[in-house]
Amino acid sequence: MSEDQFERRGNALEDMFFYRSDQELLEQIKQDLADKEAREQLASFSGITNEHLLDELVSQNVRAETLACVTLIPLVVVAWADGKLDEEEKLAVLRAFKEKGLATNPAAVSLVEGWLSEPPGEELFATWKDYIASLSASMSGSTFEHLKASVLDQAKEVARAAGGFLGVINSESRSEKQAIEAVAAAFQAG
């Protein structure tokens, strides 16, 4: 192999390396810009100014067009509380989803389908709790109490959906009761 051929191959390998590095950097820049735009849209749509909370919402793939889905998080947490999602629990979450008028929003549908396909991580519930704390600071007391009552009623409905024996005995499992208590505690902390 001549020195010229060796140098050309070396240059080609170097170019390929830098091309891949450049592509990775460009992708990271695009993602950073998309995240920044998503944070700005969320802030504008929701009135949330807490940068940490906005970052958490973006990291959980919550966007302005799917923000209304955030209120479904406690329902999803309760539905998965016992480690499995029964068909009745899934249907109860989907009913709440449809009542919010989100069934025609492809981004919202995708988000909720993801939550119903596998158990949510702790970070999703932690993000929701931060969201509730932020709302408590910006909502009037009566509006916040109404939100709390509504969310807790829906969470209890999801827990009862799977029911116990004939839907009467032990209609909520111990783990579901604990999840509901955690939801209620988030409202108290806010």
N, C-alpha and C. Protein backbone atom coordinates (compact mmCIF):
# COMPACT_ATOMS: atom_id res chain seq x y z
N MET A 1 0.86 -1.17 0.00
CA MET A 1 0.00 0.00 0.00
C MET A 1 0.90 1.22 0.00
N SER A 2 0.59 2.13 -0.91
CA SER A 2 1.43 3.32 -1.00
C SER A 2 1.09 4.28 0.13
N GLU A 3 2.01 5.17 0.38
CA GLU A 3 1.81 6.15 1.45
C GLU A 3 0.61 7.03 1.14
N ASP A 4 0.38 7.32 -0.14
CA ASP A 4 -0.75 8.16 -0.56
C ASP A 4 -2.09 7.45 -0.27
N GLN A 5 -2.16 6.15 -0.58
CA GLN A 5 -3.38 5.38 -0.31
C GLN A 5 -3.64 5.28 1.20
N PHE A 6 -2.58 5.05 1.95
CA PHE A 6 -2.69 4.96 3.39
C PHE A 6 -3.21 6.28 3.97
N GLU A 7 -2.69 7.40 3.46
CA GLU A 7 -3.13 8.72 3.95
C GLU A 7 -4.58 8.98 3.59
N ARG A 8 -5.02 8.57 2.37
CA ARG A 8 -6.42 8.76 1.96
C ARG A 8 -7.37 7.94 2.83
N ARG A 9 -6.99 6.70 3.14
CA ARG A 9 -7.82 5.86 4.01
C ARG A 9 -7.90 6.46 5.41
N GLY A 10 -6.78 6.93 5.89
CA GLY A 10 -6.76 7.58 7.20
C GLY A 10 -7.65 8.80 7.22
N ASN A 11 -7.57 9.60 6.17
CA ASN A 11 -8.42 10.80 6.08
C ASN A 11 -9.90 10.42 6.00
N ALA A 12 -10.20 9.34 5.26
CA ALA A 12 -11.59 8.90 5.12
C ALA A 12 -12.13 8.45 6.48
N LEU A 13 -11.34 7.71 7.23
CA LEU A 13 -11.75 7.27 8.57
C LEU A 13 -11.95 8.45 9.50
N GLU A 14 -11.04 9.39 9.42
CA GLU A 14 -11.15 10.60 10.25
C GLU A 14 -12.40 11.38 9.90
N ASP A 15 -12.65 11.53 8.58
CA ASP A 15 -13.85 12.25 8.15
C ASP A 15 -15.12 11.54 8.65
N MET A 16 -15.12 10.19 8.58
CA MET A 16 -16.28 9.43 9.02
C MET A 16 -16.50 9.64 10.53
N PHE A 17 -15.42 9.61 11.30
CA PHE A 17 -15.53 9.82 12.73
C PHE A 17 -16.12 11.19 13.04
N PHE A 18 -15.59 12.22 12.40
CA PHE A 18 -16.10 13.57 12.68
C PHE A 18 -17.51 13.77 12.14
N TYR A 19 -17.84 13.10 11.03
CA TYR A 19 -19.20 13.18 10.51
C TYR A 19 -20.18 12.63 11.55
N ARG A 20 -19.86 11.45 12.12
CA ARG A 20 -20.74 10.86 13.14
C ARG A 20 -20.82 11.75 14.37
N SER A 21 -19.69 12.29 14.80
CA SER A 21 -19.68 13.18 15.96
C SER A 21 -20.51 14.42 15.68
N ASP A 22 -20.35 14.98 14.49
CA ASP A 22 -21.13 16.16 14.11
C ASP A 22 -22.61 15.85 14.09
N GLN A 23 -22.99 14.68 13.56
CA GLN A 23 -24.40 14.30 13.51
C GLN A 23 -24.97 14.15 14.91
N GLU A 24 -24.20 13.55 15.81
CA GLU A 24 -24.65 13.39 17.19
C GLU A 24 -24.82 14.74 17.87
N LEU A 25 -23.87 15.65 17.62
CA LEU A 25 -23.97 16.99 18.20
C LEU A 25 -25.17 17.74 17.63
N LEU A 26 -25.39 17.62 16.34
CA LEU A 26 -26.55 18.27 15.72
C LEU A 26 -27.85 17.74 16.30
N GLU A 27 -27.92 16.43 16.48
CA GLU A 27 -29.13 15.85 17.07
C GLU A 27 -29.35 16.35 18.50
N GLN A 28 -28.27 16.46 19.27
CA GLN A 28 -28.38 16.97 20.64
C GLN A 28 -28.85 18.42 20.65
N ILE A 29 -28.32 19.21 19.73
CA ILE A 29 -28.74 20.62 19.63
C ILE A 29 -30.22 20.70 19.26
N LYS A 30 -30.64 19.88 18.30
CA LYS A 30 -32.06 19.86 17.90
C LYS A 30 -32.95 19.48 19.08
N GLN A 31 -32.51 18.47 19.84
CA GLN A 31 -33.29 18.03 21.00
C GLN A 31 -33.35 19.13 22.06
N ASP A 32 -32.23 19.78 22.30
CA ASP A 32 -32.20 20.87 23.29
C ASP A 32 -33.14 22.00 22.88
N LEU A 33 -33.13 22.34 21.58
CA LEU A 33 -34.02 23.40 21.09
C LEU A 33 -35.48 22.97 21.19
N ALA A 34 -35.76 21.72 20.87
CA ALA A 34 -37.13 21.21 20.97
C ALA A 34 -37.60 21.24 22.42
N ASP A 35 -36.72 20.84 23.35
CA ASP A 35 -37.08 20.86 24.77
C ASP A 35 -37.32 22.29 25.25
N LYS A 36 -36.49 23.22 24.79
CA LYS A 36 -36.65 24.62 25.19
C LYS A 36 -37.98 25.16 24.68
N GLU A 37 -38.31 24.84 23.44
CA GLU A 37 -39.58 25.28 22.87
C GLU A 37 -40.75 24.64 23.63
N ALA A 38 -40.62 23.36 23.96
CA ALA A 38 -41.68 22.68 24.71
C ALA A 38 -41.87 23.32 26.08
N ARG A 39 -40.77 23.67 26.76
CA ARG A 39 -40.87 24.34 28.07
C ARG A 39 -41.59 25.67 27.93
N GLU A 40 -41.22 26.45 26.90
CA GLU A 40 -41.85 27.76 26.69
C GLU A 40 -43.34 27.62 26.41
N GLN A 41 -43.71 26.63 25.60
CA GLN A 41 -45.12 26.41 25.30
C GLN A 41 -45.89 25.97 26.55
N LEU A 42 -45.28 25.07 27.32
CA LEU A 42 -45.93 24.63 28.57
C LEU A 42 -46.13 25.81 29.51
N ALA A 43 -45.11 26.63 29.64
CA ALA A 43 -45.20 27.80 30.52
C ALA A 43 -46.32 28.72 30.06
N SER A 44 -46.37 28.96 28.77
CA SER A 44 -47.38 29.86 28.21
C SER A 44 -48.78 29.28 28.39
N PHE A 45 -48.94 27.99 28.13
CA PHE A 45 -50.24 27.34 28.18
C PHE A 45 -50.75 27.18 29.61
N SER A 46 -49.83 26.84 30.53
CA SER A 46 -50.25 26.48 31.88
C SER A 46 -50.08 27.58 32.92
N GLY A 47 -49.21 28.54 32.62
CA GLY A 47 -48.92 29.57 33.60
C GLY A 47 -47.87 29.13 34.60
N ILE A 48 -47.32 27.94 34.45
CA ILE A 48 -46.28 27.44 35.35
C ILE A 48 -44.99 28.19 35.05
N THR A 49 -44.36 28.69 36.09
CA THR A 49 -43.10 29.42 35.92
C THR A 49 -41.92 28.70 36.56
N ASN A 50 -42.18 27.68 37.32
CA ASN A 50 -41.13 26.93 37.98
C ASN A 50 -40.33 26.15 36.93
N GLU A 51 -39.07 26.56 36.72
CA GLU A 51 -38.23 25.96 35.68
C GLU A 51 -38.01 24.47 35.95
N HIS A 52 -37.80 24.11 37.20
CA HIS A 52 -37.57 22.70 37.55
C HIS A 52 -38.78 21.85 37.16
N LEU A 53 -39.97 22.32 37.49
CA LEU A 53 -41.18 21.59 37.15
C LEU A 53 -41.36 21.51 35.63
N LEU A 54 -41.10 22.60 34.94
CA LEU A 54 -41.21 22.58 33.48
C LEU A 54 -40.25 21.56 32.89
N ASP A 55 -39.02 21.52 33.40
CA ASP A 55 -38.04 20.53 32.93
C ASP A 55 -38.52 19.10 33.18
N GLU A 56 -39.10 18.88 34.36
CA GLU A 56 -39.62 17.55 34.70
C GLU A 56 -40.75 17.16 33.76
N LEU A 57 -41.66 18.08 33.50
CA LEU A 57 -42.77 17.78 32.60
C LEU A 57 -42.26 17.45 31.21
N VAL A 58 -41.30 18.21 30.72
CA VAL A 58 -40.73 17.96 29.39
C VAL A 58 -40.03 16.60 29.38
N SER A 59 -39.31 16.28 30.45
CA SER A 59 -38.59 14.99 30.50
C SER A 59 -39.56 13.81 30.51
N GLN A 60 -40.79 14.03 30.95
CA GLN A 60 -41.82 12.99 30.96
C GLN A 60 -42.66 13.03 29.68
N ASN A 61 -42.20 13.78 28.68
CA ASN A 61 -42.87 13.91 27.39
C ASN A 61 -44.24 14.58 27.48
N VAL A 62 -44.43 15.41 28.48
CA VAL A 62 -45.67 16.18 28.58
C VAL A 62 -45.45 17.47 27.81
N ARG A 63 -46.31 17.74 26.87
CA ARG A 63 -46.24 18.95 26.06
C ARG A 63 -47.52 19.75 26.28
N ALA A 64 -47.55 20.95 25.77
CA ALA A 64 -48.72 21.80 25.96
C ALA A 64 -50.00 21.10 25.51
N GLU A 65 -49.90 20.41 24.38
CA GLU A 65 -51.10 19.76 23.85
C GLU A 65 -51.50 18.52 24.66
N THR A 66 -50.63 18.04 25.53
CA THR A 66 -50.97 16.87 26.34
C THR A 66 -51.04 17.19 27.84
N LEU A 67 -50.94 18.46 28.19
CA LEU A 67 -50.92 18.85 29.59
C LEU A 67 -52.17 18.38 30.34
N ALA A 68 -53.30 18.39 29.68
CA ALA A 68 -54.53 17.94 30.34
C ALA A 68 -54.42 16.48 30.78
N CYS A 69 -53.55 15.71 30.12
CA CYS A 69 -53.35 14.31 30.51
C CYS A 69 -52.70 14.19 31.87
N VAL A 70 -52.03 15.23 32.32
CA VAL A 70 -51.34 15.17 33.61
C VAL A 70 -52.32 14.83 34.73
N THR A 71 -53.54 15.29 34.60
CA THR A 71 -54.53 15.00 35.64
C THR A 71 -54.90 13.52 35.68
N LEU A 72 -54.50 12.77 34.65
CA LEU A 72 -54.77 11.33 34.62
C LEU A 72 -53.70 10.52 35.35
N ILE A 73 -52.56 11.15 35.63
CA ILE A 73 -51.45 10.42 36.25
C ILE A 73 -51.85 9.72 37.54
N PRO A 74 -52.56 10.38 38.46
CA PRO A 74 -52.93 9.64 39.68
C PRO A 74 -53.84 8.45 39.39
N LEU A 75 -54.66 8.55 38.36
CA LEU A 75 -55.54 7.43 38.01
C LEU A 75 -54.70 6.25 37.51
N VAL A 76 -53.69 6.56 36.70
CA VAL A 76 -52.80 5.54 36.18
C VAL A 76 -52.01 4.90 37.32
N VAL A 77 -51.54 5.72 38.26
CA VAL A 77 -50.79 5.21 39.40
C VAL A 77 -51.66 4.27 40.25
N VAL A 78 -52.89 4.65 40.47
CA VAL A 78 -53.81 3.79 41.24
C VAL A 78 -54.10 2.51 40.47
N ALA A 79 -54.31 2.63 39.17
CA ALA A 79 -54.62 1.46 38.36
C ALA A 79 -53.48 0.43 38.40
N TRP A 80 -52.25 0.91 38.41
CA TRP A 80 -51.08 0.02 38.43
C TRP A 80 -50.60 -0.30 39.85
N ALA A 81 -51.28 0.18 40.88
CA ALA A 81 -50.79 0.08 42.26
C ALA A 81 -50.49 -1.36 42.69
N ASP A 82 -51.27 -2.30 42.22
CA ASP A 82 -51.04 -3.70 42.61
C ASP A 82 -50.11 -4.42 41.65
N GLY A 83 -49.47 -3.67 40.76
CA GLY A 83 -48.49 -4.26 39.85
C GLY A 83 -49.06 -4.79 38.55
N LYS A 84 -50.37 -4.72 38.41
CA LYS A 84 -50.99 -5.16 37.16
C LYS A 84 -52.15 -4.22 36.83
N LEU A 85 -52.50 -4.19 35.57
CA LEU A 85 -53.59 -3.34 35.12
C LEU A 85 -54.72 -4.23 34.64
N ASP A 86 -55.81 -4.25 35.40
CA ASP A 86 -56.99 -5.02 35.00
C ASP A 86 -57.71 -4.29 33.87
N GLU A 87 -58.42 -5.03 33.08
CA GLU A 87 -59.15 -4.44 31.95
C GLU A 87 -60.15 -3.39 32.43
N GLU A 88 -60.81 -3.66 33.56
CA GLU A 88 -61.79 -2.71 34.08
C GLU A 88 -61.12 -1.40 34.52
N GLU A 89 -59.92 -1.52 35.10
CA GLU A 89 -59.18 -0.32 35.51
C GLU A 89 -58.76 0.48 34.27
N LYS A 90 -58.30 -0.23 33.28
CA LYS A 90 -57.91 0.43 32.02
C LYS A 90 -59.10 1.19 31.42
N LEU A 91 -60.24 0.53 31.41
CA LEU A 91 -61.45 1.17 30.86
C LEU A 91 -61.84 2.40 31.68
N ALA A 92 -61.68 2.34 32.99
CA ALA A 92 -62.01 3.49 33.85
C ALA A 92 -61.08 4.66 33.54
N VAL A 93 -59.79 4.39 33.34
CA VAL A 93 -58.85 5.46 32.98
C VAL A 93 -59.22 6.02 31.61
N LEU A 94 -59.53 5.15 30.67
CA LEU A 94 -59.89 5.62 29.32
C LEU A 94 -61.19 6.42 29.33
N ARG A 95 -62.13 6.06 30.20
CA ARG A 95 -63.37 6.86 30.33
C ARG A 95 -63.04 8.27 30.78
N ALA A 96 -62.18 8.38 31.80
CA ALA A 96 -61.77 9.71 32.28
C ALA A 96 -61.06 10.48 31.18
N PHE A 97 -60.25 9.80 30.42
CA PHE A 97 -59.51 10.39 29.30
C PHE A 97 -60.50 10.96 28.27
N LYS A 98 -61.50 10.18 27.92
CA LYS A 98 -62.49 10.63 26.93
C LYS A 98 -63.32 11.79 27.47
N GLU A 99 -63.64 11.76 28.77
CA GLU A 99 -64.42 12.84 29.38
C GLU A 99 -63.69 14.18 29.29
N LYS A 100 -62.36 14.12 29.25
CA LYS A 100 -61.56 15.34 29.14
C LYS A 100 -61.50 15.83 27.70
N GLY A 101 -62.08 15.08 26.78
CA GLY A 101 -62.11 15.49 25.38
C GLY A 101 -60.77 15.31 24.66
N LEU A 102 -59.97 14.38 25.13
CA LEU A 102 -58.63 14.21 24.57
C LEU A 102 -58.51 13.06 23.59
N ALA A 103 -59.57 12.30 23.40
CA ALA A 103 -59.50 11.09 22.59
C ALA A 103 -59.17 11.37 21.12
N THR A 104 -59.33 12.59 20.67
CA THR A 104 -59.03 12.91 19.27
C THR A 104 -57.65 13.55 19.11
N ASN A 105 -56.93 13.72 20.20
CA ASN A 105 -55.60 14.32 20.15
C ASN A 105 -54.57 13.20 20.05
N PRO A 106 -53.92 13.05 18.88
CA PRO A 106 -52.98 11.93 18.70
C PRO A 106 -51.85 11.91 19.72
N ALA A 107 -51.32 13.06 20.09
CA ALA A 107 -50.24 13.11 21.07
C ALA A 107 -50.73 12.64 22.43
N ALA A 108 -51.93 13.06 22.81
CA ALA A 108 -52.50 12.64 24.10
C ALA A 108 -52.79 11.15 24.09
N VAL A 109 -53.33 10.65 23.00
CA VAL A 109 -53.63 9.22 22.88
C VAL A 109 -52.35 8.41 23.04
N SER A 110 -51.30 8.82 22.36
CA SER A 110 -50.01 8.12 22.44
C SER A 110 -49.46 8.13 23.87
N LEU A 111 -49.55 9.27 24.53
CA LEU A 111 -49.05 9.39 25.89
C LEU A 111 -49.79 8.45 26.84
N VAL A 112 -51.10 8.47 26.78
CA VAL A 112 -51.91 7.65 27.68
C VAL A 112 -51.75 6.16 27.34
N GLU A 113 -51.66 5.83 26.06
CA GLU A 113 -51.43 4.43 25.69
C GLU A 113 -50.12 3.92 26.30
N GLY A 114 -49.10 4.77 26.31
CA GLY A 114 -47.83 4.39 26.92
C GLY A 114 -47.98 4.13 28.41
N TRP A 115 -48.74 4.99 29.09
CA TRP A 115 -48.96 4.83 30.53
C TRP A 115 -49.74 3.56 30.83
N LEU A 116 -50.62 3.16 29.91
CA LEU A 116 -51.44 1.99 30.13
C LEU A 116 -50.78 0.70 29.65
N SER A 117 -49.67 0.82 28.94
CA SER A 117 -49.01 -0.38 28.43
C SER A 117 -47.98 -0.94 29.40
N GLU A 118 -47.43 -0.09 30.26
CA GLU A 118 -46.49 -0.57 31.26
C GLU A 118 -46.55 0.33 32.49
N PRO A 119 -46.21 -0.22 33.65
CA PRO A 119 -46.32 0.57 34.89
C PRO A 119 -45.48 1.84 34.81
N PRO A 120 -46.03 2.95 35.28
CA PRO A 120 -45.28 4.20 35.27
C PRO A 120 -44.16 4.17 36.31
N GLY A 121 -43.09 4.86 36.03
CA GLY A 121 -42.00 4.95 36.99
C GLY A 121 -42.33 5.94 38.10
N GLU A 122 -41.57 5.87 39.15
CA GLU A 122 -41.76 6.77 40.29
C GLU A 122 -41.64 8.24 39.87
N GLU A 123 -40.79 8.50 38.87
CA GLU A 123 -40.55 9.88 38.45
C GLU A 123 -41.81 10.52 37.87
N LEU A 124 -42.68 9.72 37.26
CA LEU A 124 -43.92 10.28 36.71
C LEU A 124 -44.81 10.80 37.84
N PHE A 125 -44.97 10.02 38.89
CA PHE A 125 -45.78 10.45 40.03
C PHE A 125 -45.13 11.62 40.75
N ALA A 126 -43.81 11.61 40.86
CA ALA A 126 -43.08 12.72 41.50
C ALA A 126 -43.30 14.01 40.70
N THR A 127 -43.28 13.91 39.39
CA THR A 127 -43.54 15.08 38.54
C THR A 127 -44.96 15.59 38.77
N TRP A 128 -45.92 14.67 38.86
CA TRP A 128 -47.30 15.08 39.11
C TRP A 128 -47.42 15.79 40.45
N LYS A 129 -46.74 15.27 41.47
CA LYS A 129 -46.80 15.91 42.79
C LYS A 129 -46.22 17.32 42.73
N ASP A 130 -45.15 17.51 41.99
CA ASP A 130 -44.59 18.86 41.82
C ASP A 130 -45.58 19.76 41.09
N TYR A 131 -46.27 19.20 40.12
CA TYR A 131 -47.29 19.94 39.38
C TYR A 131 -48.41 20.39 40.32
N ILE A 132 -48.86 19.49 41.18
CA ILE A 132 -49.93 19.83 42.13
C ILE A 132 -49.45 20.91 43.09
N ALA A 133 -48.22 20.81 43.55
CA ALA A 133 -47.68 21.84 44.45
C ALA A 133 -47.66 23.20 43.76
N SER A 134 -47.30 23.20 42.49
CA SER A 134 -47.29 24.45 41.72
C SER A 134 -48.70 25.00 41.56
N LEU A 135 -49.65 24.12 41.30
CA LEU A 135 -51.05 24.56 41.16
C LEU A 135 -51.58 25.15 42.45
N SER A 136 -51.22 24.54 43.57
CA SER A 136 -51.75 25.02 44.84
C SER A 136 -51.31 26.46 45.11
N ALA A 137 -50.15 26.82 44.60
CA ALA A 137 -49.65 28.17 44.80
C ALA A 137 -50.34 29.18 43.89
N SER A 138 -50.91 28.69 42.78
CA SER A 138 -51.49 29.63 41.82
C SER A 138 -53.01 29.58 41.74
N MET A 139 -53.65 28.58 42.35
CA MET A 139 -55.11 28.45 42.30
C MET A 139 -55.75 28.98 43.57
N SER A 140 -56.98 29.41 43.42
CA SER A 140 -57.72 29.81 44.62
C SER A 140 -58.00 28.54 45.44
N GLY A 141 -58.21 28.73 46.72
CA GLY A 141 -58.44 27.60 47.61
C GLY A 141 -59.62 26.74 47.20
N SER A 142 -60.73 27.36 46.83
CA SER A 142 -61.91 26.58 46.48
C SER A 142 -61.71 25.82 45.17
N THR A 143 -61.03 26.42 44.21
CA THR A 143 -60.77 25.75 42.94
C THR A 143 -59.84 24.56 43.16
N PHE A 144 -58.83 24.76 44.00
CA PHE A 144 -57.88 23.69 44.30
C PHE A 144 -58.60 22.54 45.02
N GLU A 145 -59.49 22.86 45.95
CA GLU A 145 -60.25 21.82 46.65
C GLU A 145 -61.17 21.06 45.70
N HIS A 146 -61.75 21.77 44.75
CA HIS A 146 -62.59 21.12 43.74
C HIS A 146 -61.76 20.16 42.89
N LEU A 147 -60.57 20.59 42.48
CA LEU A 147 -59.67 19.73 41.72
C LEU A 147 -59.31 18.49 42.54
N LYS A 148 -58.99 18.69 43.79
CA LYS A 148 -58.63 17.58 44.69
C LYS A 148 -59.77 16.58 44.77
N ALA A 149 -60.98 17.06 45.01
CA ALA A 149 -62.13 16.18 45.14
C ALA A 149 -62.37 15.40 43.84
N SER A 150 -62.25 16.09 42.73
CA SER A 150 -62.46 15.46 41.43
C SER A 150 -61.43 14.36 41.17
N VAL A 151 -60.17 14.66 41.41
CA VAL A 151 -59.10 13.68 41.17
C VAL A 151 -59.25 12.48 42.11
N LEU A 152 -59.54 12.75 43.38
CA LEU A 152 -59.70 11.64 44.33
C LEU A 152 -60.92 10.78 44.00
N ASP A 153 -62.01 11.40 43.58
CA ASP A 153 -63.19 10.63 43.18
C ASP A 153 -62.86 9.72 41.99
N GLN A 154 -62.16 10.27 41.01
CA GLN A 154 -61.80 9.47 39.83
C GLN A 154 -60.83 8.35 40.20
N ALA A 155 -59.88 8.64 41.09
CA ALA A 155 -58.92 7.62 41.52
C ALA A 155 -59.64 6.48 42.24
N LYS A 156 -60.60 6.83 43.08
CA LYS A 156 -61.37 5.81 43.79
C LYS A 156 -62.21 4.99 42.82
N GLU A 157 -62.74 5.64 41.79
CA GLU A 157 -63.52 4.93 40.77
C GLU A 157 -62.64 3.91 40.04
N VAL A 158 -61.41 4.30 39.73
CA VAL A 158 -60.48 3.37 39.09
C VAL A 158 -60.19 2.20 40.02
N ALA A 159 -59.97 2.49 41.30
CA ALA A 159 -59.67 1.42 42.27
C ALA A 159 -60.84 0.46 42.41
N ARG A 160 -62.04 0.99 42.39
CA ARG A 160 -63.23 0.14 42.52
C ARG A 160 -63.54 -0.62 41.24
N ALA A 161 -62.99 -0.18 40.12
CA ALA A 161 -63.33 -0.77 38.82
C ALA A 161 -63.04 -2.26 38.77
N ALA A 162 -61.90 -2.67 39.31
CA ALA A 162 -61.56 -4.09 39.32
C ALA A 162 -62.39 -4.83 40.35
N GLY A 163 -62.82 -4.10 41.37
CA GLY A 163 -63.70 -4.65 42.39
C GLY A 163 -63.11 -5.83 43.14
N GLY A 164 -63.77 -6.23 44.14
CA GLY A 164 -63.39 -7.42 44.89
C GLY A 164 -64.33 -8.53 44.48
N PHE A 165 -64.80 -9.28 45.46
CA PHE A 165 -65.75 -10.36 45.18
C PHE A 165 -67.07 -9.74 44.75
N LEU A 166 -67.48 -10.00 43.52
CA LEU A 166 -68.70 -9.43 42.93
C LEU A 166 -68.73 -7.91 43.01
N GLY A 167 -67.54 -7.30 43.06
CA GLY A 167 -67.46 -5.85 43.10
C GLY A 167 -67.92 -5.23 44.40
N VAL A 168 -68.12 -6.06 45.44
CA VAL A 168 -68.65 -5.55 46.69
C VAL A 168 -67.62 -5.61 47.82
N ILE A 169 -67.07 -6.77 48.05
CA ILE A 169 -66.14 -6.96 49.16
C ILE A 169 -64.74 -6.56 48.72
N ASN A 170 -64.06 -5.80 49.59
CA ASN A 170 -62.70 -5.35 49.30
C ASN A 170 -62.59 -4.73 47.92
N SER A 171 -63.43 -3.76 47.66
CA SER A 171 -63.46 -3.16 46.32
C SER A 171 -62.17 -2.42 46.00
N GLU A 172 -61.39 -2.08 47.01
CA GLU A 172 -60.09 -1.46 46.78
C GLU A 172 -59.04 -2.32 47.47
N SER A 173 -57.99 -2.64 46.74
CA SER A 173 -56.92 -3.42 47.36
C SER A 173 -56.11 -2.53 48.30
N ARG A 174 -55.31 -3.14 49.14
CA ARG A 174 -54.47 -2.40 50.07
C ARG A 174 -53.52 -1.47 49.29
N SER A 175 -52.94 -1.98 48.22
CA SER A 175 -52.01 -1.16 47.45
C SER A 175 -52.73 0.01 46.77
N GLU A 176 -53.96 -0.21 46.33
CA GLU A 176 -54.73 0.87 45.73
C GLU A 176 -55.09 1.93 46.77
N LYS A 177 -55.45 1.48 47.98
CA LYS A 177 -55.74 2.44 49.06
C LYS A 177 -54.51 3.27 49.38
N GLN A 178 -53.35 2.63 49.41
CA GLN A 178 -52.11 3.35 49.67
C GLN A 178 -51.82 4.36 48.56
N ALA A 179 -52.08 3.98 47.32
CA ALA A 179 -51.87 4.90 46.21
C ALA A 179 -52.81 6.09 46.31
N ILE A 180 -54.06 5.84 46.68
CA ILE A 180 -55.03 6.93 46.84
C ILE A 180 -54.60 7.85 47.98
N GLU A 181 -54.10 7.26 49.06
CA GLU A 181 -53.60 8.07 50.18
C GLU A 181 -52.42 8.94 49.74
N ALA A 182 -51.55 8.40 48.88
CA ALA A 182 -50.41 9.17 48.37
C ALA A 182 -50.88 10.33 47.49
N VAL A 183 -51.94 10.09 46.71
CA VAL A 183 -52.53 11.15 45.89
C VAL A 183 -53.09 12.24 46.80
N ALA A 184 -53.84 11.85 47.82
CA ALA A 184 -54.43 12.81 48.76
C ALA A 184 -53.33 13.59 49.48
N ALA A 185 -52.26 12.90 49.86
CA ALA A 185 -51.15 13.57 50.56
C ALA A 185 -50.48 14.62 49.68
N ALA A 186 -50.44 14.37 48.39
CA ALA A 186 -49.84 15.35 47.47
C ALA A 186 -50.64 16.65 47.49
N PHE A 187 -51.95 16.54 47.62
CA PHE A 187 -52.78 17.74 47.70
C PHE A 187 -52.58 18.46 49.03
N GLN A 188 -52.33 17.70 50.09
CA GLN A 188 -52.09 18.32 51.39
C GLN A 188 -50.76 19.05 51.42
N ALA A 189 -49.76 18.47 50.76
CA ALA A 189 -48.42 19.06 50.73
C ALA A 189 -48.41 20.33 49.89
N GLY A 190 -49.30 20.36 48.89
CA GLY A 190 -49.35 21.52 47.99
C GLY A 190 -49.90 22.69 48.69
